[in-house]
Amino acid sequence: METLTIKETISGVLESTLEHNNFEMHDELTAKDVDGWDSLSHMMIITKIEEAFNIKFKLRDLNKLKNMGSLVSVIQSKI
């Protein structure tokens, strides 16, 4: 799956979970850059991403997540 398609899907998940689109999607984007992205919403976002891509993250996958670029890479490795 193309990187752009993955980012568009993630962006949709973020918008629906956080109920806004006040962020710019780029590889260096982190949770602290996005209003409302706290620990609770983080778990909701991860769950919705798993559902959207029909994948399951392992703990070691989640530990690799540093920013949006690393999330895209982990998703690509699982699909």
N, C-alpha and C. Protein backbone atom coordinates (compact mmCIF):
# COMPACT_ATOMS: atom_id res chain seq x y z
N MET A 1 0.85 -1.18 0.00
CA MET A 1 0.00 0.00 0.00
C MET A 1 0.90 1.24 0.00
N GLU A 2 0.48 2.23 -0.75
CA GLU A 2 1.27 3.45 -0.88
C GLU A 2 1.27 4.28 0.40
N THR A 3 2.37 4.96 0.63
CA THR A 3 2.53 5.80 1.81
C THR A 3 1.43 6.85 1.88
N LEU A 4 1.10 7.48 0.75
CA LEU A 4 0.08 8.52 0.73
C LEU A 4 -1.28 7.97 1.18
N THR A 5 -1.63 6.78 0.72
CA THR A 5 -2.90 6.16 1.11
C THR A 5 -2.92 5.86 2.60
N ILE A 6 -1.81 5.38 3.14
CA ILE A 6 -1.71 5.09 4.57
C ILE A 6 -1.88 6.38 5.36
N LYS A 7 -1.19 7.45 4.94
CA LYS A 7 -1.28 8.72 5.65
C LYS A 7 -2.69 9.29 5.60
N GLU A 8 -3.37 9.14 4.47
CA GLU A 8 -4.74 9.65 4.35
C GLU A 8 -5.67 8.89 5.30
N THR A 9 -5.47 7.59 5.41
CA THR A 9 -6.29 6.78 6.32
C THR A 9 -6.02 7.18 7.77
N ILE A 10 -4.75 7.34 8.12
CA ILE A 10 -4.40 7.76 9.49
C ILE A 10 -4.98 9.13 9.78
N SER A 11 -4.89 10.03 8.82
CA SER A 11 -5.43 11.38 8.99
C SER A 11 -6.94 11.31 9.28
N GLY A 12 -7.64 10.46 8.56
CA GLY A 12 -9.07 10.28 8.79
C GLY A 12 -9.37 9.76 10.19
N VAL A 13 -8.54 8.83 10.65
CA VAL A 13 -8.69 8.30 12.01
C VAL A 13 -8.47 9.41 13.04
N LEU A 14 -7.42 10.19 12.84
CA LEU A 14 -7.14 11.29 13.77
C LEU A 14 -8.29 12.30 13.80
N GLU A 15 -8.77 12.67 12.61
CA GLU A 15 -9.86 13.65 12.53
C GLU A 15 -11.12 13.13 13.23
N SER A 16 -11.46 11.88 13.01
CA SER A 16 -12.70 11.36 13.62
C SER A 16 -12.54 11.16 15.13
N THR A 17 -11.37 10.75 15.57
CA THR A 17 -11.16 10.51 17.00
C THR A 17 -11.03 11.82 17.78
N LEU A 18 -10.27 12.75 17.22
CA LEU A 18 -10.01 14.01 17.92
C LEU A 18 -11.05 15.08 17.60
N GLU A 19 -11.89 14.82 16.61
CA GLU A 19 -12.96 15.72 16.18
C GLU A 19 -12.45 17.07 15.72
N HIS A 20 -11.30 17.08 15.07
CA HIS A 20 -10.80 18.29 14.41
C HIS A 20 -9.71 17.88 13.42
N ASN A 21 -9.35 18.82 12.56
CA ASN A 21 -8.26 18.57 11.62
C ASN A 21 -7.24 19.71 11.69
N ASN A 22 -7.00 20.19 12.89
CA ASN A 22 -6.06 21.29 13.11
C ASN A 22 -4.64 20.77 13.25
N PHE A 23 -4.20 20.03 12.26
CA PHE A 23 -2.83 19.52 12.25
C PHE A 23 -2.41 19.33 10.80
N GLU A 24 -1.13 19.36 10.57
CA GLU A 24 -0.58 19.12 9.25
C GLU A 24 0.12 17.77 9.27
N MET A 25 -0.32 16.87 8.40
CA MET A 25 0.22 15.53 8.37
C MET A 25 1.62 15.54 7.73
N HIS A 26 2.63 15.13 8.49
CA HIS A 26 3.99 15.00 7.97
C HIS A 26 4.72 13.96 8.81
N ASP A 27 5.85 13.49 8.31
CA ASP A 27 6.57 12.37 8.95
C ASP A 27 7.02 12.68 10.37
N GLU A 28 7.29 13.93 10.68
CA GLU A 28 7.80 14.29 12.01
C GLU A 28 6.69 14.60 13.01
N LEU A 29 5.43 14.48 12.60
CA LEU A 29 4.29 14.77 13.48
C LEU A 29 4.28 13.82 14.68
N THR A 30 4.10 14.37 15.87
CA THR A 30 3.98 13.56 17.09
C THR A 30 2.70 13.94 17.82
N ALA A 31 2.34 13.14 18.81
CA ALA A 31 1.11 13.39 19.58
C ALA A 31 1.13 14.76 20.24
N LYS A 32 2.29 15.19 20.71
CA LYS A 32 2.35 16.49 21.39
C LYS A 32 2.12 17.67 20.44
N ASP A 33 2.18 17.42 19.13
CA ASP A 33 1.94 18.47 18.14
C ASP A 33 0.45 18.66 17.83
N VAL A 34 -0.40 17.76 18.34
CA VAL A 34 -1.81 17.76 17.97
C VAL A 34 -2.67 17.97 19.21
N ASP A 35 -3.50 19.03 19.18
CA ASP A 35 -4.41 19.32 20.29
C ASP A 35 -5.33 18.13 20.56
N GLY A 36 -5.45 17.76 21.82
CA GLY A 36 -6.37 16.71 22.22
C GLY A 36 -5.82 15.30 22.13
N TRP A 37 -4.61 15.14 21.62
CA TRP A 37 -4.03 13.80 21.50
C TRP A 37 -3.33 13.48 22.81
N ASP A 38 -4.08 12.88 23.73
CA ASP A 38 -3.55 12.51 25.03
C ASP A 38 -3.47 10.98 25.13
N SER A 39 -3.18 10.47 26.31
CA SER A 39 -2.99 9.03 26.46
C SER A 39 -4.26 8.23 26.16
N LEU A 40 -5.41 8.75 26.54
CA LEU A 40 -6.66 8.05 26.28
C LEU A 40 -6.97 8.05 24.78
N SER A 41 -6.88 9.21 24.15
CA SER A 41 -7.16 9.27 22.72
C SER A 41 -6.12 8.48 21.93
N HIS A 42 -4.90 8.39 22.46
CA HIS A 42 -3.86 7.61 21.79
C HIS A 42 -4.28 6.14 21.65
N MET A 43 -4.81 5.58 22.72
CA MET A 43 -5.26 4.18 22.66
C MET A 43 -6.43 4.01 21.70
N MET A 44 -7.31 4.99 21.65
CA MET A 44 -8.43 4.94 20.71
C MET A 44 -7.91 5.03 19.28
N ILE A 45 -6.93 5.89 19.05
CA ILE A 45 -6.35 6.05 17.71
C ILE A 45 -5.68 4.75 17.27
N ILE A 46 -4.89 4.15 18.14
CA ILE A 46 -4.21 2.89 17.81
C ILE A 46 -5.23 1.81 17.47
N THR A 47 -6.29 1.70 18.27
CA THR A 47 -7.33 0.70 18.02
C THR A 47 -8.00 0.93 16.67
N LYS A 48 -8.34 2.18 16.36
CA LYS A 48 -8.99 2.49 15.09
C LYS A 48 -8.06 2.26 13.90
N ILE A 49 -6.76 2.51 14.09
CA ILE A 49 -5.79 2.23 13.02
C ILE A 49 -5.71 0.73 12.78
N GLU A 50 -5.68 -0.05 13.86
CA GLU A 50 -5.67 -1.51 13.70
C GLU A 50 -6.90 -1.98 12.92
N GLU A 51 -8.05 -1.42 13.23
CA GLU A 51 -9.28 -1.79 12.53
C GLU A 51 -9.24 -1.35 11.07
N ALA A 52 -8.77 -0.15 10.82
CA ALA A 52 -8.75 0.40 9.46
C ALA A 52 -7.86 -0.42 8.52
N PHE A 53 -6.75 -0.91 9.05
CA PHE A 53 -5.80 -1.66 8.23
C PHE A 53 -5.89 -3.17 8.45
N ASN A 54 -6.79 -3.60 9.33
CA ASN A 54 -6.96 -5.01 9.65
C ASN A 54 -5.62 -5.63 10.09
N ILE A 55 -4.98 -4.96 11.05
CA ILE A 55 -3.70 -5.42 11.59
C ILE A 55 -3.79 -5.41 13.12
N LYS A 56 -2.80 -5.99 13.76
CA LYS A 56 -2.67 -5.94 15.21
C LYS A 56 -1.25 -5.53 15.54
N PHE A 57 -1.11 -4.51 16.36
CA PHE A 57 0.21 -4.09 16.80
C PHE A 57 0.64 -4.93 18.00
N LYS A 58 1.91 -5.28 18.01
CA LYS A 58 2.50 -5.91 19.18
C LYS A 58 3.16 -4.82 20.01
N LEU A 59 3.46 -5.13 21.26
CA LEU A 59 4.08 -4.14 22.14
C LEU A 59 5.38 -3.60 21.53
N ARG A 60 6.17 -4.46 20.93
CA ARG A 60 7.43 -3.99 20.34
C ARG A 60 7.18 -3.04 19.16
N ASP A 61 6.07 -3.24 18.44
CA ASP A 61 5.70 -2.31 17.37
C ASP A 61 5.41 -0.93 17.95
N LEU A 62 4.64 -0.91 19.02
CA LEU A 62 4.25 0.35 19.64
C LEU A 62 5.46 1.06 20.24
N ASN A 63 6.42 0.30 20.73
CA ASN A 63 7.64 0.91 21.28
C ASN A 63 8.51 1.56 20.21
N LYS A 64 8.32 1.16 18.95
CA LYS A 64 9.08 1.74 17.84
C LYS A 64 8.51 3.09 17.40
N LEU A 65 7.32 3.41 17.82
CA LEU A 65 6.63 4.61 17.33
C LEU A 65 7.22 5.86 17.96
N LYS A 66 7.86 6.66 17.13
CA LYS A 66 8.45 7.93 17.57
C LYS A 66 7.71 9.12 16.95
N ASN A 67 7.17 8.90 15.74
CA ASN A 67 6.48 9.96 15.02
C ASN A 67 5.62 9.32 13.92
N MET A 68 4.99 10.15 13.11
CA MET A 68 4.11 9.65 12.06
C MET A 68 4.86 8.79 11.05
N GLY A 69 6.09 9.16 10.72
CA GLY A 69 6.88 8.39 9.78
C GLY A 69 7.12 6.97 10.27
N SER A 70 7.41 6.82 11.55
CA SER A 70 7.64 5.47 12.09
C SER A 70 6.33 4.68 12.14
N LEU A 71 5.21 5.34 12.39
CA LEU A 71 3.91 4.66 12.37
C LEU A 71 3.61 4.13 10.97
N VAL A 72 3.85 4.95 9.96
CA VAL A 72 3.63 4.52 8.58
C VAL A 72 4.51 3.31 8.27
N SER A 73 5.76 3.34 8.69
CA SER A 73 6.68 2.23 8.43
C SER A 73 6.22 0.94 9.09
N VAL A 74 5.75 1.04 10.32
CA VAL A 74 5.27 -0.16 11.03
C VAL A 74 4.03 -0.71 10.32
N ILE A 75 3.13 0.17 9.92
CA ILE A 75 1.93 -0.27 9.20
C ILE A 75 2.32 -0.96 7.90
N GLN A 76 3.24 -0.38 7.15
CA GLN A 76 3.68 -0.98 5.89
C GLN A 76 4.28 -2.37 6.12
N SER A 77 4.96 -2.56 7.22
CA SER A 77 5.57 -3.87 7.50
C SER A 77 4.52 -4.92 7.84
N LYS A 78 3.33 -4.48 8.23
CA LYS A 78 2.29 -5.41 8.66
C LYS A 78 1.25 -5.72 7.57
N ILE A 79 1.23 -4.93 6.52
CA ILE A 79 0.22 -5.19 5.47
C ILE A 79 0.84 -5.73 4.20
